[in-house]
Protein backbone atom coordinates (compact mmCIF):
# COMPACT_ATOMS: atom_id res chain seq x y z
CA MET A 1 -1.83 -72.39 62.04
CA ILE A 2 -4.63 -72.72 59.60
CA GLN A 3 -5.73 -76.23 59.12
CA GLN A 4 -6.66 -77.56 55.92
CA ILE A 5 -9.61 -79.82 55.54
CA GLN A 6 -9.50 -82.20 52.78
CA TYR A 7 -13.72 -82.32 51.20
CA ASP A 8 -14.97 -85.28 48.94
CA THR A 9 -15.74 -83.95 45.69
CA ASP A 10 -18.77 -86.01 45.39
CA GLU A 11 -20.32 -84.69 48.57
CA ILE A 12 -19.50 -80.98 47.20
CA GLN A 13 -21.39 -81.83 44.30
CA LYS A 14 -24.35 -83.55 46.10
CA PHE A 15 -24.77 -80.26 48.53
CA LEU A 16 -24.45 -77.99 45.23
CA ASP A 17 -27.15 -80.05 43.64
CA ALA A 18 -29.31 -80.01 46.53
CA THR A 19 -28.93 -76.27 46.93
CA LYS A 20 -29.76 -75.79 43.21
CA ASN A 21 -33.17 -78.20 43.45
CA SER A 22 -34.29 -76.38 46.77
CA LYS A 23 -34.01 -73.03 44.93
CA LEU A 24 -35.93 -74.34 42.01
CA ASN A 25 -38.68 -75.89 44.13
CA GLU A 26 -39.14 -72.74 46.05
CA TYR A 27 -39.16 -70.44 42.56
CA ASN A 28 -41.53 -73.30 41.03
CA GLN A 29 -43.96 -72.66 44.29
CA THR A 30 -43.71 -68.93 43.79
CA MET A 31 -44.40 -69.23 40.04
CA GLN A 32 -47.74 -71.36 41.09
CA LYS A 33 -48.58 -68.63 43.40
CA LEU A 34 -47.93 -66.11 40.77
CA LEU A 35 -50.20 -68.00 38.32
CA SER A 36 -53.17 -68.47 40.97
CA VAL A 37 -53.51 -64.61 40.86
CA GLN A 38 -52.48 -63.89 37.21
CA SER A 39 -56.06 -62.81 36.12
CA ARG A 40 -55.92 -60.06 38.93
CA ILE A 41 -52.82 -58.43 37.55
CA PRO A 42 -53.42 -56.62 34.28
CA ILE A 43 -50.00 -56.31 32.92
CA ILE A 44 -49.84 -59.96 32.81
CA SER A 45 -53.35 -61.47 32.80
CA ASP A 46 -53.26 -62.16 28.93
CA ILE A 47 -49.88 -63.75 28.82
CA ASP A 48 -49.51 -67.49 28.01
CA PRO A 49 -48.53 -69.13 31.70
CA THR A 50 -45.56 -71.04 29.75
CA GLU A 51 -44.16 -67.85 28.26
CA LEU A 52 -45.05 -65.86 31.57
CA HIS A 53 -42.68 -68.30 33.33
CA GLN A 54 -39.86 -67.51 30.75
CA ILE A 55 -40.20 -63.81 30.81
CA ILE A 56 -40.41 -63.01 34.65
CA LYS A 57 -37.10 -63.11 37.07
CA LYS A 58 -36.48 -62.67 40.53
CA LEU A 59 -40.22 -63.19 41.52
CA LYS A 60 -40.52 -62.81 45.19
CA PHE A 61 -43.53 -62.45 47.53
CA MET A 62 -42.73 -59.84 49.97
CA GLN A 63 -44.32 -58.46 53.45
CA TYR A 64 -43.91 -55.02 54.43
CA SER A 65 -45.04 -53.47 57.52
CA PHE A 66 -46.34 -49.58 58.35
CA LYS A 67 -43.44 -47.10 57.45
CA ASP A 68 -41.29 -49.43 55.41
CA PHE A 69 -39.79 -48.24 52.34
CA ILE A 70 -40.53 -50.20 49.39
CA ILE A 71 -38.85 -47.96 46.89
CA LYS A 72 -36.60 -45.25 47.78
CA GLU A 73 -36.41 -42.09 45.37
CA GLY A 74 -33.07 -42.07 43.26
CA ASP A 75 -32.55 -45.79 43.70
CA VAL A 76 -31.70 -47.61 40.59
CA SER A 77 -33.75 -51.18 40.55
CA GLN A 78 -35.89 -52.85 38.09
CA GLU A 79 -38.47 -54.57 40.01
CA ILE A 80 -42.25 -54.02 39.41
CA PHE A 81 -44.63 -54.54 42.40
CA PHE A 82 -48.06 -55.67 42.53
CA ILE A 83 -50.10 -55.23 45.60
CA LEU A 84 -52.07 -58.10 46.76
CA SER A 85 -52.90 -56.89 50.04
CA GLY A 86 -52.53 -53.20 51.83
CA GLU A 87 -51.62 -49.84 50.70
CA CYS A 88 -48.92 -47.39 50.04
CA HIS A 89 -48.18 -43.87 50.07
CA VAL A 90 -46.14 -42.35 47.45
CA PHE A 91 -43.53 -39.20 48.37
CA VAL A 92 -41.29 -37.02 46.11
CA GLY A 93 -39.05 -35.42 48.31
CA ASN A 94 -40.71 -34.96 51.56
CA LYS A 95 -44.42 -34.34 49.99
CA LYS A 96 -47.02 -37.07 49.59
CA VAL A 97 -48.17 -37.10 46.10
CA GLY A 98 -50.40 -39.98 46.15
CA ALA A 99 -51.59 -43.36 47.26
CA ILE A 100 -51.43 -46.92 46.14
CA PRO A 101 -54.63 -49.32 46.66
CA THR A 102 -54.70 -52.97 46.90
CA GLY A 103 -54.77 -54.69 43.44
CA SER A 104 -52.44 -51.87 41.80
CA THR A 105 -49.04 -52.08 40.09
CA PHE A 106 -46.29 -49.57 40.66
CA GLY A 107 -42.61 -49.50 39.80
CA GLU A 108 -43.27 -50.22 35.90
CA ALA A 109 -41.37 -46.91 34.81
CA ALA A 110 -38.06 -47.52 36.00
CA ALA A 111 -38.33 -51.40 34.82
CA VAL A 112 -39.05 -50.50 31.51
CA PHE A 113 -36.82 -47.50 31.08
CA SER A 114 -33.98 -48.49 33.33
CA THR A 115 -33.95 -45.11 35.10
CA LYS A 116 -33.76 -44.23 38.69
CA ARG A 117 -36.68 -44.30 40.63
CA ASN A 118 -38.82 -40.80 40.65
CA ALA A 119 -40.46 -41.38 43.78
CA SER A 120 -40.32 -43.15 47.40
CA VAL A 121 -43.13 -45.66 48.18
CA VAL A 122 -43.73 -46.35 51.68
CA CYS A 123 -46.21 -49.18 53.16
CA SER A 124 -49.04 -47.08 54.78
CA SER A 125 -51.04 -49.98 55.98
CA ASP A 126 -50.12 -52.14 59.25
CA LYS A 127 -49.11 -55.00 56.73
CA MET A 128 -48.66 -54.98 53.12
CA THR A 129 -48.11 -58.14 50.77
CA ALA A 130 -46.58 -57.47 47.38
CA LEU A 131 -45.62 -59.51 44.61
CA SER A 132 -42.10 -58.35 43.21
CA PHE A 133 -40.40 -59.47 39.80
CA GLY A 134 -38.29 -58.06 37.23
CA ILE A 135 -38.40 -58.84 33.46
CA ASN A 136 -36.07 -61.39 31.91
CA HIS A 137 -35.09 -59.47 28.30
CA ASP A 138 -32.54 -62.51 27.96
CA ASN A 139 -35.70 -64.16 26.14
CA MET A 140 -36.51 -61.65 23.72
CA ASP A 141 -36.31 -64.14 20.41
CA PHE A 142 -38.15 -66.71 22.33
CA CYS A 143 -40.84 -65.19 23.86
CA ALA A 144 -41.13 -61.83 21.85
CA PRO A 145 -44.73 -62.32 21.66
CA ALA A 146 -45.24 -62.50 25.54
CA LEU A 147 -42.75 -59.40 25.76
CA ALA A 148 -44.81 -57.22 23.33
CA SER A 149 -48.11 -58.02 25.37
CA LEU A 150 -46.23 -57.12 28.48
CA TYR A 151 -44.95 -54.35 27.26
CA LYS A 152 -48.04 -53.26 25.43
CA ASN A 153 -49.99 -53.38 28.80
CA LEU A 154 -47.16 -51.76 30.93
CA ALA A 155 -47.30 -48.46 28.43
CA LEU A 156 -51.35 -48.63 28.97
CA GLN A 157 -50.77 -48.57 32.47
CA ILE A 158 -48.20 -45.99 32.45
CA ASN A 159 -50.46 -43.58 30.13
CA THR A 160 -53.49 -44.17 32.33
CA LYS A 161 -51.38 -43.04 35.31
CA LEU A 162 -50.51 -39.98 33.39
CA GLU A 163 -53.78 -39.07 32.62
CA ALA A 164 -55.00 -39.49 36.04
CA MET A 165 -52.09 -36.98 37.31
CA ASN A 166 -52.84 -34.43 34.48
CA GLN A 167 -56.55 -34.58 35.63
CA SER A 168 -55.57 -33.98 39.15
CA LEU A 169 -53.21 -31.23 38.02
CA THR A 170 -55.88 -29.58 35.75
CA LYS A 171 -58.40 -29.49 38.72
CA LYS A 172 -56.30 -27.33 41.27
């Protein structure tokens, strides 16, 4: 027989408020960490911190170990990653096609164009720390200049990667 328990609605609300405040505090602490490294991340370095807070979502610091997958080819996700320490290798199919060192951003194309991941990215160092975030398109009206700056920076970064890839292909 299932026993029915009566809960005090005030107690439930207190629990929900505490949980919400805990998550908000955790997010604010993570945002403070982001702001402390903002100048090292070219795609967001020139964005006002107040507006940055409005256009970033799902902000997380992630730890990876050797051979951990960060991105899998064909997956659908809109996370952008910035490597704070460590490095990764990039694979298309089973072929290694590149490396991503500390201080680099990756994953931006799928985030901007809402496409499937075109490569797998695997941690190639003993440990890797990365910042992971998405773009909050819901604040387009409020933060249009910040989003415009972010997209311009992302486009420049994607272009730089394409130029490097073209140069490496023409050398072969």
